């Protein structure tokens, strides 16, 4: 287990949008192994809402538009799933 000081010193170099994008990308890579478009659609929708609801004072506007795009794409992924 890493001490909190190590994690804190790493995270101070990045803003919240970059950290959320990293977590989103790693989660997407992990879910691709499942092969389920429904789960991937739910993942996109959840992170789309997270990006939309993150306060803009600590997050650049680019991530707001990313969240909007993910919220639009998520229902399409979920609806076109075969399972």
PDB file of N, CA and C in Angstrom:
ATOM      1  N   UNK A   1       0.832  -1.168   0.000  1.00  0.00           N
ATOM      2  CA  UNK A   1       0.000   0.000   0.000  1.00  0.00           C
ATOM      3  C   UNK A   1       0.888   1.245   0.000  1.00  0.00           C
ATOM      4  N   UNK A   2       0.568   2.180  -0.871  1.00  0.00           N
ATOM      5  CA  UNK A   2       1.353   3.409  -0.953  1.00  0.00           C
ATOM      6  C   UNK A   2       0.933   4.400   0.119  1.00  0.00           C
ATOM      7  N   UNK A   3       1.887   5.126   0.668  1.00  0.00           N
ATOM      8  CA  UNK A   3       1.500   6.179   1.619  1.00  0.00           C
ATOM      9  C   UNK A   3       0.748   7.306   0.905  1.00  0.00           C
ATOM     10  N   UNK A   4      -0.101   7.988   1.632  1.00  0.00           N
ATOM     11  CA  UNK A   4      -0.912   9.053   1.047  1.00  0.00           C
ATOM     12  C   UNK A   4      -0.066  10.200   0.510  1.00  0.00           C
ATOM     13  N   UNK A   5       1.110  10.445   1.074  1.00  0.00           N
ATOM     14  CA  UNK A   5       1.968  11.525   0.593  1.00  0.00           C
ATOM     15  C   UNK A   5       2.449  11.263  -0.826  1.00  0.00           C
ATOM     16  N   UNK A   6       2.717  10.005  -1.157  1.00  0.00           N
ATOM     17  CA  UNK A   6       3.162   9.651  -2.514  1.00  0.00           C
ATOM     18  C   UNK A   6       2.036   9.879  -3.506  1.00  0.00           C
ATOM     19  N   UNK A   7       0.834   9.437  -3.159  1.00  0.00           N
ATOM     20  CA  UNK A   7      -0.322   9.628  -4.036  1.00  0.00           C
ATOM     21  C   UNK A   7      -0.634  11.110  -4.198  1.00  0.00           C
ATOM     22  N   UNK A   8      -0.561  11.859  -3.106  1.00  0.00           N
ATOM     23  CA  UNK A   8      -0.846  13.291  -3.146  1.00  0.00           C
ATOM     24  C   UNK A   8       0.171  14.038  -3.996  1.00  0.00           C
ATOM     25  N   UNK A   9       1.441  13.702  -3.868  1.00  0.00           N
ATOM     26  CA  UNK A   9       2.457  14.395  -4.672  1.00  0.00           C
ATOM     27  C   UNK A   9       2.305  14.070  -6.157  1.00  0.00           C
ATOM     28  N   UNK A  10       1.814  12.882  -6.483  1.00  0.00           N
ATOM     29  CA  UNK A  10       1.566  12.526  -7.880  1.00  0.00           C
ATOM     30  C   UNK A  10       0.361  13.291  -8.431  1.00  0.00           C
ATOM     31  N   UNK A  11      -0.718  13.367  -7.647  1.00  0.00           N
ATOM     32  CA  UNK A  11      -1.958  13.979  -8.127  1.00  0.00           C
ATOM     33  C   UNK A  11      -1.905  15.499  -8.191  1.00  0.00           C
ATOM     34  N   UNK A  12      -0.981  16.131  -7.477  1.00  0.00           N
ATOM     35  CA  UNK A  12      -0.889  17.589  -7.502  1.00  0.00           C
ATOM     36  C   UNK A  12      -0.476  18.127  -8.870  1.00  0.00           C
ATOM     37  N   UNK A  13       0.145  17.292  -9.693  1.00  0.00           N
ATOM     38  CA  UNK A  13       0.602  17.729 -11.016  1.00  0.00           C
ATOM     39  C   UNK A  13      -0.512  17.746 -12.059  1.00  0.00           C
ATOM     40  N   UNK A  14      -1.677  17.215 -11.730  1.00  0.00           N
ATOM     41  CA  UNK A  14      -2.750  17.072 -12.708  1.00  0.00           C
ATOM     42  C   UNK A  14      -4.035  17.696 -12.181  1.00  0.00           C
ATOM     43  N   UNK A  15      -4.944  18.076 -13.108  1.00  0.00           N
ATOM     44  CA  UNK A  15      -6.245  18.574 -12.659  1.00  0.00           C
ATOM     45  C   UNK A  15      -7.239  17.412 -12.618  1.00  0.00           C
ATOM     46  N   UNK A  16      -8.410  17.664 -12.089  1.00  0.00           N
ATOM     47  CA  UNK A  16      -9.389  16.605 -11.872  1.00  0.00           C
ATOM     48  C   UNK A  16      -9.869  15.995 -13.190  1.00  0.00           C
ATOM     49  N   UNK A  17      -9.933  16.791 -14.251  1.00  0.00           N
ATOM     50  CA  UNK A  17     -10.369  16.267 -15.540  1.00  0.00           C
ATOM     51  C   UNK A  17      -9.404  15.246 -16.100  1.00  0.00           C
ATOM     52  N   UNK A  18      -8.111  15.498 -15.948  1.00  0.00           N
ATOM     53  CA  UNK A  18      -7.116  14.550 -16.444  1.00  0.00           C
ATOM     54  C   UNK A  18      -7.138  13.248 -15.652  1.00  0.00           C
ATOM     55  N   UNK A  19      -7.359  13.352 -14.353  1.00  0.00           N
ATOM     56  CA  UNK A  19      -7.427  12.152 -13.523  1.00  0.00           C
ATOM     57  C   UNK A  19      -8.668  11.337 -13.869  1.00  0.00           C
ATOM     58  N   UNK A  20      -9.813  12.013 -14.034  1.00  0.00           N
ATOM     59  CA  UNK A  20     -11.031  11.303 -14.416  1.00  0.00           C
ATOM     60  C   UNK A  20     -10.903  10.667 -15.789  1.00  0.00           C
ATOM     61  N   UNK A  21     -10.227  11.343 -16.709  1.00  0.00           N
ATOM     62  CA  UNK A  21     -10.020  10.774 -18.042  1.00  0.00           C
ATOM     63  C   UNK A  21      -9.143   9.530 -17.981  1.00  0.00           C
ATOM     64  N   UNK A  22      -8.124   9.542 -17.122  1.00  0.00           N
ATOM     65  CA  UNK A  22      -7.274   8.367 -16.950  1.00  0.00           C
ATOM     66  C   UNK A  22      -8.075   7.203 -16.372  1.00  0.00           C
ATOM     67  N   UNK A  23      -8.894   7.467 -15.364  1.00  0.00           N
ATOM     68  CA  UNK A  23      -9.720   6.416 -14.764  1.00  0.00           C
ATOM     69  C   UNK A  23     -10.735   5.894 -15.783  1.00  0.00           C
ATOM     70  N   UNK A  24     -11.312   6.804 -16.590  1.00  0.00           N
ATOM     71  CA  UNK A  24     -12.259   6.389 -17.628  1.00  0.00           C
ATOM     72  C   UNK A  24     -11.577   5.489 -18.660  1.00  0.00           C
ATOM     73  N   UNK A  25     -10.384   5.877 -19.099  1.00  0.00           N
ATOM     74  CA  UNK A  25      -9.666   5.084 -20.108  1.00  0.00           C
ATOM     75  C   UNK A  25      -9.277   3.717 -19.557  1.00  0.00           C
ATOM     76  N   UNK A  26      -8.786   3.666 -18.332  1.00  0.00           N
ATOM     77  CA  UNK A  26      -8.413   2.375 -17.742  1.00  0.00           C
ATOM     78  C   UNK A  26      -9.639   1.492 -17.531  1.00  0.00           C
ATOM     79  N   UNK A  27     -10.744   2.082 -17.117  1.00  0.00           N
ATOM     80  CA  UNK A  27     -11.986   1.316 -16.958  1.00  0.00           C
ATOM     81  C   UNK A  27     -12.504   0.790 -18.277  1.00  0.00           C
ATOM     82  N   UNK A  28     -12.396   1.613 -19.325  1.00  0.00           N
ATOM     83  CA  UNK A  28     -12.831   1.169 -20.652  1.00  0.00           C
ATOM     84  C   UNK A  28     -11.976   0.011 -21.144  1.00  0.00           C
ATOM     85  N   UNK A  29     -10.671   0.098 -20.944  1.00  0.00           N
ATOM     86  CA  UNK A  29      -9.793  -1.010 -21.341  1.00  0.00           C
ATOM     87  C   UNK A  29     -10.124  -2.281 -20.564  1.00  0.00           C
ATOM     88  N   UNK A  30     -10.443  -2.135 -19.299  1.00  0.00           N
ATOM     89  CA  UNK A  30     -10.818  -3.293 -18.503  1.00  0.00           C
ATOM     90  C   UNK A  30     -12.135  -3.907 -18.937  1.00  0.00           C
ATOM     91  N   UNK A  31     -13.075  -3.071 -19.345  1.00  0.00           N
ATOM     92  CA  UNK A  31     -14.390  -3.575 -19.751  1.00  0.00           C
ATOM     93  C   UNK A  31     -14.393  -4.152 -21.165  1.00  0.00           C
ATOM     94  N   UNK A  32     -13.431  -3.773 -21.990  1.00  0.00           N
ATOM     95  CA  UNK A  32     -13.389  -4.328 -23.345  1.00  0.00           C
ATOM     96  C   UNK A  32     -13.168  -5.836 -23.331  1.00  0.00           C
ATOM     97  N   UNK A  33     -12.508  -6.326 -22.289  1.00  0.00           N
ATOM     98  CA  UNK A  33     -12.298  -7.763 -22.170  1.00  0.00           C
ATOM     99  C   UNK A  33     -13.579  -8.537 -21.923  1.00  0.00           C
ATOM    100  N   UNK A  34     -14.584  -7.888 -21.351  1.00  0.00           N
ATOM    101  CA  UNK A  34     -15.856  -8.559 -21.118  1.00  0.00           C
ATOM    102  C   UNK A  34     -16.639  -8.777 -22.405  1.00  0.00           C
ATOM    103  N   UNK A  35     -16.488  -7.873 -23.352  1.00  0.00           N
ATOM    104  CA  UNK A  35     -17.183  -7.995 -24.623  1.00  0.00           C
ATOM    105  C   UNK A  35     -18.653  -7.623 -24.563  1.00  0.00           C
ATOM    106  N   UNK A  36     -19.089  -6.961 -23.531  1.00  0.00           N
ATOM    107  CA  UNK A  36     -20.491  -6.589 -23.381  1.00  0.00           C
ATOM    108  C   UNK A  36     -20.676  -5.111 -23.721  1.00  0.00           C
ATOM    109  N   UNK A  37     -21.487  -4.864 -24.752  1.00  0.00           N
ATOM    110  CA  UNK A  37     -21.756  -3.471 -25.132  1.00  0.00           C
ATOM    111  C   UNK A  37     -22.683  -2.795 -24.134  1.00  0.00           C
ATOM    112  N   UNK A  38     -23.513  -3.563 -23.445  1.00  0.00           N
ATOM    113  CA  UNK A  38     -24.401  -2.973 -22.445  1.00  0.00           C
ATOM    114  C   UNK A  38     -23.599  -2.413 -21.270  1.00  0.00           C
ATOM    115  N   UNK A  39     -22.657  -3.183 -20.785  1.00  0.00           N
ATOM    116  CA  UNK A  39     -21.826  -2.728 -19.668  1.00  0.00           C
ATOM    117  C   UNK A  39     -20.975  -1.537 -20.109  1.00  0.00           C
ATOM    118  N   UNK A  40     -20.480  -1.572 -21.328  1.00  0.00           N
ATOM    119  CA  UNK A  40     -19.697  -0.454 -21.849  1.00  0.00           C
ATOM    120  C   UNK A  40     -20.570   0.795 -21.988  1.00  0.00           C
ATOM    121  N   UNK A  41     -21.812   0.631 -22.404  1.00  0.00           N
ATOM    122  CA  UNK A  41     -22.741   1.759 -22.483  1.00  0.00           C
ATOM    123  C   UNK A  41     -23.040   2.353 -21.118  1.00  0.00           C
ATOM    124  N   UNK A  42     -23.202   1.492 -20.119  1.00  0.00           N
ATOM    125  CA  UNK A  42     -23.420   1.985 -18.756  1.00  0.00           C
ATOM    126  C   UNK A  42     -22.193   2.722 -18.228  1.00  0.00           C
ATOM    127  N   UNK A  43     -21.022   2.221 -18.569  1.00  0.00           N
ATOM    128  CA  UNK A  43     -19.762   2.865 -18.166  1.00  0.00           C
ATOM    129  C   UNK A  43     -19.645   4.244 -18.815  1.00  0.00           C
ATOM    130  N   UNK A  44     -19.944   4.323 -20.101  1.00  0.00           N
ATOM    131  CA  UNK A  44     -19.897   5.613 -20.800  1.00  0.00           C
ATOM    132  C   UNK A  44     -20.897   6.596 -20.192  1.00  0.00           C
ATOM    133  N   UNK A  45     -22.094   6.120 -19.902  1.00  0.00           N
ATOM    134  CA  UNK A  45     -23.108   6.987 -19.322  1.00  0.00           C
ATOM    135  C   UNK A  45     -22.731   7.489 -17.939  1.00  0.00           C
ATOM    136  N   UNK A  46     -22.176   6.600 -17.130  1.00  0.00           N
ATOM    137  CA  UNK A  46     -21.785   6.997 -15.772  1.00  0.00           C
ATOM    138  C   UNK A  46     -20.670   8.041 -15.815  1.00  0.00           C
ATOM    139  N   UNK A  47     -19.672   7.816 -16.642  1.00  0.00           N
ATOM    140  CA  UNK A  47     -18.586   8.789 -16.714  1.00  0.00           C
ATOM    141  C   UNK A  47     -19.020  10.064 -17.429  1.00  0.00           C
ATOM    142  N   UNK A  48     -19.968   9.959 -18.341  1.00  0.00           N
ATOM    143  CA  UNK A  48     -20.515  11.165 -18.951  1.00  0.00           C
ATOM    144  C   UNK A  48     -21.174  12.049 -17.907  1.00  0.00           C
ATOM    145  N   UNK A  49     -21.949  11.431 -17.020  1.00  0.00           N
ATOM    146  CA  UNK A  49     -22.578  12.203 -15.933  1.00  0.00           C
ATOM    147  C   UNK A  49     -21.543  12.757 -14.967  1.00  0.00           C
ATOM    148  N   UNK A  50     -20.510  11.980 -14.681  1.00  0.00           N
ATOM    149  CA  UNK A  50     -19.454  12.468 -13.791  1.00  0.00           C
ATOM    150  C   UNK A  50     -18.765  13.685 -14.406  1.00  0.00           C
ATOM    151  N   UNK A  51     -18.456  13.615 -15.697  1.00  0.00           N
ATOM    152  CA  UNK A  51     -17.811  14.753 -16.360  1.00  0.00           C
ATOM    153  C   UNK A  51     -18.745  15.959 -16.402  1.00  0.00           C
ATOM    154  N   UNK A  52     -20.040  15.734 -16.589  1.00  0.00           N
ATOM    155  CA  UNK A  52     -20.989  16.844 -16.627  1.00  0.00           C
ATOM    156  C   UNK A  52     -21.190  17.488 -15.261  1.00  0.00           C
ATOM    157  N   UNK A  53     -21.175  16.690 -14.211  1.00  0.00           N
ATOM    158  CA  UNK A  53     -21.476  17.190 -12.881  1.00  0.00           C
ATOM    159  C   UNK A  53     -20.257  17.702 -12.114  1.00  0.00           C
ATOM    160  N   UNK A  54     -19.065  17.487 -12.652  1.00  0.00           N
ATOM    161  CA  UNK A  54     -17.865  18.011 -11.993  1.00  0.00           C
ATOM    162  C   UNK A  54     -17.881  19.534 -12.101  1.00  0.00           C
ATOM    163  N   UNK A  55     -17.660  20.235 -10.992  1.00  0.00           N
ATOM    164  CA  UNK A  55     -17.707  21.708 -11.039  1.00  0.00           C
ATOM    165  C   UNK A  55     -16.711  22.291 -12.039  1.00  0.00           C
ATOM    166  N   UNK A  56     -17.164  23.271 -12.803  1.00  0.00           N
ATOM    167  CA  UNK A  56     -16.325  23.850 -13.850  1.00  0.00           C
ATOM    168  C   UNK A  56     -15.240  24.762 -13.295  1.00  0.00           C
ATOM    169  N   UNK A  57     -15.319  25.105 -12.030  1.00  0.00           N
ATOM    170  CA  UNK A  57     -14.270  25.941 -11.429  1.00  0.00           C
ATOM    171  C   UNK A  57     -12.963  25.166 -11.299  1.00  0.00           C
ATOM    172  N   UNK A  58     -13.044  23.833 -11.167  1.00  0.00           N
ATOM    173  CA  UNK A  58     -11.835  23.027 -11.025  1.00  0.00           C
ATOM    174  C   UNK A  58     -11.586  22.147 -12.245  1.00  0.00           C
ATOM    175  N   UNK A  59     -12.379  22.315 -13.284  1.00  0.00           N
ATOM    176  CA  UNK A  59     -12.313  21.441 -14.446  1.00  0.00           C
ATOM    177  C   UNK A  59     -12.436  22.280 -15.719  1.00  0.00           C
ATOM    178  N   UNK A  60     -11.533  22.131 -16.696  1.00  0.00           N
ATOM    179  CA  UNK A  60     -11.673  22.878 -17.953  1.00  0.00           C
ATOM    180  C   UNK A  60     -12.964  22.493 -18.699  1.00  0.00           C
ATOM    181  N   UNK A  61     -13.425  23.398 -19.547  1.00  0.00           N
ATOM    182  CA  UNK A  61     -14.687  23.185 -20.269  1.00  0.00           C
ATOM    183  C   UNK A  61     -14.603  22.041 -21.285  1.00  0.00           C
ATOM    184  N   UNK A  62     -13.415  21.659 -21.687  1.00  0.00           N
ATOM    185  CA  UNK A  62     -13.254  20.552 -22.622  1.00  0.00           C
ATOM    186  C   UNK A  62     -13.905  19.284 -22.078  1.00  0.00           C
ATOM    187  N   UNK A  63     -13.769  19.056 -20.783  1.00  0.00           N
ATOM    188  CA  UNK A  63     -14.311  17.843 -20.186  1.00  0.00           C
ATOM    189  C   UNK A  63     -15.831  17.903 -20.067  1.00  0.00           C
ATOM    190  N   UNK A  64     -16.390  19.092 -20.027  1.00  0.00           N
ATOM    191  CA  UNK A  64     -17.847  19.240 -20.055  1.00  0.00           C
ATOM    192  C   UNK A  64     -18.397  18.728 -21.390  1.00  0.00           C
ATOM    193  N   UNK A  65     -17.734  19.092 -22.488  1.00  0.00           N
ATOM    194  CA  UNK A  65     -18.175  18.627 -23.804  1.00  0.00           C
ATOM    195  C   UNK A  65     -17.905  17.131 -23.985  1.00  0.00           C
ATOM    196  N   UNK A  66     -16.838  16.623 -23.391  1.00  0.00           N
ATOM    197  CA  UNK A  66     -16.589  15.182 -23.418  1.00  0.00           C
ATOM    198  C   UNK A  66     -17.713  14.447 -22.694  1.00  0.00           C
ATOM    199  N   UNK A  67     -18.129  14.970 -21.549  1.00  0.00           N
ATOM    200  CA  UNK A  67     -19.235  14.359 -20.813  1.00  0.00           C
ATOM    201  C   UNK A  67     -20.528  14.394 -21.593  1.00  0.00           C
ATOM    202  N   UNK A  68     -20.779  15.497 -22.279  1.00  0.00           N
ATOM    203  CA  UNK A  68     -21.983  15.601 -23.101  1.00  0.00           C
ATOM    204  C   UNK A  68     -21.961  14.571 -24.229  1.00  0.00           C
ATOM    205  N   UNK A  69     -20.822  14.417 -24.861  1.00  0.00           N
ATOM    206  CA  UNK A  69     -20.694  13.410 -25.917  1.00  0.00           C
ATOM    207  C   UNK A  69     -20.883  12.002 -25.394  1.00  0.00           C
ATOM    208  N   UNK A  70     -20.334  11.714 -24.226  1.00  0.00           N
ATOM    209  CA  UNK A  70     -20.492  10.377 -23.652  1.00  0.00           C
ATOM    210  C   UNK A  70     -21.943  10.102 -23.267  1.00  0.00           C
ATOM    211  N   UNK A  71     -22.647  11.114 -22.778  1.00  0.00           N
ATOM    212  CA  UNK A  71     -24.051  10.934 -22.416  1.00  0.00           C
ATOM    213  C   UNK A  71     -24.903  10.689 -23.660  1.00  0.00           C
ATOM    214  N   UNK A  72     -24.514  11.254 -24.786  1.00  0.00           N
ATOM    215  CA  UNK A  72     -25.250  11.025 -26.042  1.00  0.00           C
ATOM    216  C   UNK A  72     -24.935   9.643 -26.612  1.00  0.00           C
ATOM    217  N   UNK A  73     -23.686   9.215 -26.525  1.00  0.00           N
ATOM    218  CA  UNK A  73     -23.269   7.936 -27.111  1.00  0.00           C
ATOM    219  C   UNK A  73     -23.724   6.745 -26.271  1.00  0.00           C
ATOM    220  N   UNK A  74     -23.782   6.906 -24.952  1.00  0.00           N
ATOM    221  CA  UNK A  74     -24.084   5.784 -24.055  1.00  0.00           C
ATOM    222  C   UNK A  74     -25.422   5.093 -24.346  1.00  0.00           C
ATOM    223  N   UNK A  75     -26.522   5.821 -24.519  1.00  0.00           N
ATOM    224  CA  UNK A  75     -27.774   5.107 -24.818  1.00  0.00           C
ATOM    225  C   UNK A  75     -27.748   4.375 -26.162  1.00  0.00           C
ATOM    226  N   UNK A  76     -27.014   4.932 -27.113  1.00  0.00           N
ATOM    227  CA  UNK A  76     -26.906   4.251 -28.410  1.00  0.00           C
ATOM    228  C   UNK A  76     -26.146   2.938 -28.267  1.00  0.00           C
ATOM    229  N   UNK A  77     -25.079   2.942 -27.488  1.00  0.00           N
ATOM    230  CA  UNK A  77     -24.329   1.704 -27.247  1.00  0.00           C
ATOM    231  C   UNK A  77     -25.205   0.686 -26.525  1.00  0.00           C
ATOM    232  N   UNK A  78     -25.934   1.149 -25.521  1.00  0.00           N
ATOM    233  CA  UNK A  78     -26.778   0.247 -24.740  1.00  0.00           C
ATOM    234  C   UNK A  78     -27.903  -0.332 -25.582  1.00  0.00           C
ATOM    235  N   UNK A  79     -28.512   0.485 -26.437  1.00  0.00           N
ATOM    236  CA  UNK A  79     -29.652   0.031 -27.245  1.00  0.00           C
ATOM    237  C   UNK A  79     -29.241  -0.908 -28.369  1.00  0.00           C
ATOM    238  N   UNK A  80     -28.031  -0.755 -28.885  1.00  0.00           N
ATOM    239  CA  UNK A  80     -27.598  -1.609 -29.991  1.00  0.00           C
ATOM    240  C   UNK A  80     -26.899  -2.887 -29.523  1.00  0.00           C
ATOM    241  N   UNK A  81     -26.852  -3.102 -28.220  1.00  0.00           N
ATOM    242  CA  UNK A  81     -26.204  -4.312 -27.702  1.00  0.00           C
ATOM    243  C   UNK A  81     -27.042  -5.540 -28.040  1.00  0.00           C
ATOM    244  N   UNK A  82     -26.387  -6.642 -28.343  1.00  0.00           N
ATOM    245  CA  UNK A  82     -27.076  -7.865 -28.724  1.00  0.00           C
ATOM    246  C   UNK A  82     -27.579  -8.660 -27.519  1.00  0.00           C
ATOM    247  N   UNK A  83     -26.949  -8.472 -26.417  1.00  0.00           N
ATOM    248  CA  UNK A  83     -27.243  -9.318 -25.244  1.00  0.00           C
ATOM    249  C   UNK A  83     -28.535  -8.930 -24.584  1.00  0.00           C
TER     250      UNK A  83
END
